[in-house]
Amino acid sequence: MLLDLQPLILSLKVALCALALVVVLGTLAARLMTARSFWGQSLLDGLFLLPLVLPPVVTGYVLLMLLGKRGAVGAFLYQKLQWEILFTPTAAVLAAAVVAFPLMYGSMKAAFLSYDLQLEEAASTLGAAPNRVFWSITLPLCLPGLVAGTLLAFARALGEFGATVMVAGNIPGDTQTLPLLLYERTLSGDDASAIWAAVLLCAATVPVGILLVCLTKSRGRGG
């Protein structure tokens, strides 16, 4: 066998864990930003979208500074819990979540802004609790945006390289994801393994692209 499947399995685990974080946090952040206007909203919106425009290696460097033993977050976790995040699979999950977050956030923000708020107001007038309104009216109306954001975030997390190598390293059997393996095998001249790594990445991400195209076409027909 030309390539160990362990990096693929790790990549899928990292991407799925990151996706769980991103779906929840991205949806909540988008809801916060569209529910009402408040001071500093534009600044916060720009902060949420910042990982989308920053080079991934810069995002990774910022995370490295935050999560290190002398960083604001890393120092607290190490002193209070004796928990080191850097160069662990947890660091890979956080890196993937940070870079994928803007895609989920942007998709859900657009979805929240696209439906008629009067539907929520009508449901509230009829006595529906806010939680019930959100789950039974708001979220179903935003389902296409939720699906699109989930697919985009998953693909981005699965292919993450720059931020991951900064905070998780490239430790075979521990933090070496498939993109990192592809990079390593390319540098070492192992073209056969590099090709297999690329094929596996494409096999995992191309279906996501196909689903996105199908979703876009179905929404276009619906419009």
Protein backbone atom coordinates (compact mmCIF):
# COMPACT_ATOMS: atom_id res chain seq x y z
CA MET A 1 0.00 0.00 0.00
CA LEU A 2 1.48 3.32 -1.07
CA LEU A 3 -0.10 5.46 1.60
CA ASP A 4 -1.19 4.97 5.19
CA LEU A 5 -4.82 5.98 5.68
CA GLN A 6 -4.15 7.33 9.17
CA PRO A 7 -3.61 10.93 7.96
CA LEU A 8 -6.91 10.78 6.06
CA ILE A 9 -8.72 9.48 9.14
CA LEU A 10 -7.14 12.20 11.28
CA SER A 11 -8.06 14.85 8.70
CA LEU A 12 -11.69 13.71 8.73
CA LYS A 13 -11.78 13.70 12.54
CA VAL A 14 -10.23 17.17 12.71
CA ALA A 15 -12.57 18.54 10.05
CA LEU A 16 -15.68 17.08 11.69
CA CYS A 17 -14.74 18.33 15.16
CA ALA A 18 -13.95 21.77 13.75
CA LEU A 19 -17.23 21.71 11.83
CA ALA A 20 -19.21 21.02 15.01
CA LEU A 21 -17.68 24.13 16.59
CA VAL A 22 -18.11 26.26 13.49
CA VAL A 23 -21.75 25.38 12.84
CA VAL A 24 -22.78 26.33 16.37
CA LEU A 25 -20.58 29.40 16.79
CA GLY A 26 -21.04 30.64 13.22
CA THR A 27 -24.83 30.39 13.45
CA LEU A 28 -24.94 32.12 16.84
CA ALA A 29 -22.60 34.87 15.66
CA ALA A 30 -24.64 35.44 12.50
CA ARG A 31 -27.84 35.58 14.54
CA LEU A 32 -26.28 38.11 16.89
CA MET A 33 -25.15 40.32 14.02
CA THR A 34 -28.51 40.30 12.22
CA ALA A 35 -30.92 40.46 15.16
CA ARG A 36 -30.31 44.14 15.91
CA SER A 37 -27.83 46.96 15.44
CA PHE A 38 -25.36 47.87 18.18
CA TRP A 39 -22.24 49.95 18.71
CA GLY A 40 -19.11 48.38 17.23
CA GLN A 41 -21.07 46.03 15.00
CA SER A 42 -19.02 46.75 11.88
CA LEU A 43 -15.77 46.22 13.78
CA LEU A 44 -16.99 42.89 15.15
CA ASP A 45 -18.18 41.84 11.70
CA GLY A 46 -14.75 42.58 10.28
CA LEU A 47 -13.12 40.59 13.09
CA PHE A 48 -15.32 37.58 12.33
CA LEU A 49 -14.32 37.72 8.66
CA LEU A 50 -10.63 38.42 9.27
CA PRO A 51 -9.41 34.80 8.93
CA LEU A 52 -10.92 34.78 5.45
CA VAL A 53 -8.52 37.46 4.20
CA LEU A 54 -5.45 36.81 6.35
CA PRO A 55 -2.85 34.38 5.01
CA PRO A 56 -3.42 31.09 6.87
CA VAL A 57 0.16 31.11 8.14
CA VAL A 58 -0.49 34.50 9.77
CA THR A 59 -3.65 33.14 11.37
CA GLY A 60 -1.58 30.23 12.61
CA TYR A 61 1.04 32.59 14.04
CA VAL A 62 -1.63 34.54 15.94
CA LEU A 63 -2.98 31.27 17.34
CA LEU A 64 0.56 30.24 18.23
CA MET A 65 1.01 33.42 20.25
CA LEU A 66 -2.35 32.99 21.98
CA LEU A 67 -2.10 29.28 22.75
CA GLY A 68 1.55 29.07 23.75
CA LYS A 69 2.57 28.80 27.40
CA ARG A 70 3.24 32.53 27.45
CA GLY A 71 0.11 33.42 25.50
CA ALA A 72 -3.05 34.84 27.04
CA VAL A 73 -5.04 31.64 26.55
CA GLY A 74 -2.26 29.08 26.68
CA ALA A 75 -0.76 30.43 29.91
CA PHE A 76 -4.12 30.28 31.68
CA LEU A 77 -4.85 26.72 30.52
CA TYR A 78 -1.38 25.51 31.47
CA GLN A 79 -1.32 27.16 34.90
CA LYS A 80 -4.85 26.20 35.88
CA LEU A 81 -5.35 22.87 34.13
CA GLN A 82 -1.83 21.79 33.12
CA TRP A 83 -3.22 21.56 29.60
CA GLU A 84 -0.91 22.16 26.65
CA ILE A 85 -2.71 22.68 23.35
CA LEU A 86 0.11 23.35 20.92
CA PHE A 87 1.30 20.45 18.74
CA THR A 88 -1.69 18.27 19.58
CA PRO A 89 -4.74 17.22 17.54
CA THR A 90 -6.72 19.75 19.57
CA ALA A 91 -4.57 22.52 18.09
CA ALA A 92 -5.31 21.18 14.61
CA VAL A 93 -9.04 21.31 15.35
CA LEU A 94 -8.82 24.90 16.59
CA ALA A 95 -6.79 25.98 13.56
CA ALA A 96 -9.28 24.36 11.18
CA ALA A 97 -12.22 25.90 13.05
CA VAL A 98 -10.76 29.40 12.96
CA VAL A 99 -10.11 29.39 9.22
CA ALA A 100 -13.47 27.76 8.43
CA PHE A 101 -15.53 30.01 10.71
CA PRO A 102 -15.90 32.98 8.29
CA LEU A 103 -17.44 30.73 5.64
CA MET A 104 -20.11 29.46 8.00
CA TYR A 105 -20.67 32.88 9.49
CA GLY A 106 -20.98 34.62 6.12
CA SER A 107 -23.36 32.00 4.75
CA MET A 108 -25.64 32.13 7.79
CA LYS A 109 -25.55 35.91 7.96
CA ALA A 110 -26.74 36.11 4.35
CA ALA A 111 -29.42 33.53 5.12
CA PHE A 112 -30.69 35.44 8.16
CA LEU A 113 -30.86 38.65 6.12
CA SER A 114 -32.74 37.03 3.25
CA TYR A 115 -36.01 36.02 4.91
CA ASP A 116 -38.96 38.17 5.98
CA LEU A 117 -38.71 39.14 9.64
CA GLN A 118 -42.47 39.62 9.73
CA LEU A 119 -42.83 35.84 9.85
CA GLU A 120 -41.03 35.78 13.18
CA GLU A 121 -43.04 38.73 14.43
CA ALA A 122 -46.30 37.04 13.46
CA ALA A 123 -45.32 33.86 15.29
CA SER A 124 -44.36 35.85 18.39
CA THR A 125 -47.65 37.71 18.27
CA LEU A 126 -49.47 34.37 18.27
CA GLY A 127 -47.69 33.42 21.48
CA ALA A 128 -44.75 31.34 20.27
CA ALA A 129 -41.70 31.44 22.52
CA PRO A 130 -38.45 32.83 21.02
CA ASN A 131 -36.78 29.40 21.05
CA ARG A 132 -39.75 27.83 19.27
CA VAL A 133 -39.78 30.63 16.69
CA PHE A 134 -36.09 30.07 15.99
CA TRP A 135 -36.28 26.28 15.64
CA SER A 136 -39.61 26.04 13.82
CA ILE A 137 -39.52 29.12 11.58
CA THR A 138 -36.14 30.85 11.39
CA LEU A 139 -33.87 27.83 11.03
CA PRO A 140 -35.99 26.04 8.38
CA LEU A 141 -36.07 29.24 6.33
CA CYS A 142 -32.27 29.46 6.61
CA LEU A 143 -31.69 25.77 5.84
CA PRO A 144 -30.11 26.34 2.39
CA GLY A 145 -27.63 28.77 3.92
CA LEU A 146 -26.94 26.35 6.74
CA VAL A 147 -26.24 23.50 4.32
CA ALA A 148 -24.06 25.67 2.07
CA GLY A 149 -22.09 27.03 5.03
CA THR A 150 -21.62 23.54 6.44
CA LEU A 151 -20.28 22.19 3.17
CA LEU A 152 -17.94 25.14 2.63
CA ALA A 153 -16.65 25.01 6.20
CA PHE A 154 -16.06 21.26 6.05
CA ALA A 155 -14.10 21.50 2.79
CA ARG A 156 -12.02 24.37 4.15
CA ALA A 157 -11.28 22.57 7.41
CA LEU A 158 -10.36 19.37 5.59
CA GLY A 159 -7.85 21.12 3.35
CA GLU A 160 -6.34 23.42 5.99
CA PHE A 161 -2.53 23.57 5.91
CA GLY A 162 -0.93 26.91 6.86
CA ALA A 163 -2.49 27.52 10.27
CA THR A 164 -2.34 23.83 11.15
CA VAL A 165 1.38 23.44 10.56
CA MET A 166 2.04 26.50 12.75
CA VAL A 167 0.14 25.32 15.83
CA ALA A 168 -0.01 21.53 15.47
CA GLY A 169 3.22 20.80 13.65
CA ASN A 170 3.64 17.87 11.28
CA ILE A 171 4.04 14.90 13.61
CA PRO A 172 3.45 11.58 11.84
CA GLY A 173 0.84 9.48 13.59
CA ASP A 174 -0.22 12.37 15.83
CA THR A 175 -0.89 15.68 14.08
CA GLN A 176 0.01 14.92 10.46
CA THR A 177 -3.13 15.55 8.45
CA LEU A 178 -3.48 14.67 4.78
CA PRO A 179 -2.47 18.12 3.44
CA LEU A 180 0.63 18.04 5.63
CA LEU A 181 1.45 14.55 4.40
CA LEU A 182 1.08 15.69 0.80
CA TYR A 183 3.49 18.56 1.45
CA GLU A 184 6.02 16.29 3.18
CA ARG A 185 5.94 13.59 0.49
CA THR A 186 6.29 16.20 -2.25
CA LEU A 187 9.38 17.69 -0.61
CA SER A 188 10.92 14.26 -0.12
CA GLY A 189 10.38 13.35 -3.78
CA ASP A 190 7.98 10.50 -3.01
CA ASP A 191 5.76 11.26 -5.99
CA ALA A 192 3.70 8.06 -5.71
CA SER A 193 2.60 8.80 -2.15
CA ALA A 194 2.08 12.48 -2.97
CA ILE A 195 -0.25 11.55 -5.83
CA TRP A 196 -2.22 9.20 -3.60
CA ALA A 197 -2.53 11.91 -0.95
CA ALA A 198 -3.80 14.35 -3.57
CA VAL A 199 -6.26 11.77 -4.89
CA LEU A 200 -7.60 11.10 -1.40
CA LEU A 201 -8.02 14.81 -0.75
CA CYS A 202 -9.87 15.24 -4.02
CA ALA A 203 -12.04 12.21 -3.27
CA ALA A 204 -13.04 13.81 0.03
CA THR A 205 -13.61 17.35 -1.25
CA VAL A 206 -14.91 17.02 -4.82
CA PRO A 207 -18.25 15.54 -3.66
CA VAL A 208 -18.65 18.60 -1.44
CA GLY A 209 -18.21 20.82 -4.49
CA ILE A 210 -20.74 18.80 -6.44
CA LEU A 211 -23.27 19.13 -3.61
CA LEU A 212 -22.71 22.89 -3.52
CA VAL A 213 -23.32 23.16 -7.26
CA CYS A 214 -26.49 21.10 -6.98
CA LEU A 215 -27.67 23.26 -4.06
CA THR A 216 -26.99 26.46 -6.00
CA LYS A 217 -28.90 25.18 -9.03
CA SER A 218 -31.87 24.07 -6.92
CA ARG A 219 -32.01 27.46 -5.20
CA GLY A 220 -31.82 29.16 -8.59
CA ARG A 221 -34.81 27.20 -9.85
CA GLY A 222 -36.67 27.96 -6.64
CA GLY A 223 -36.02 31.66 -7.13
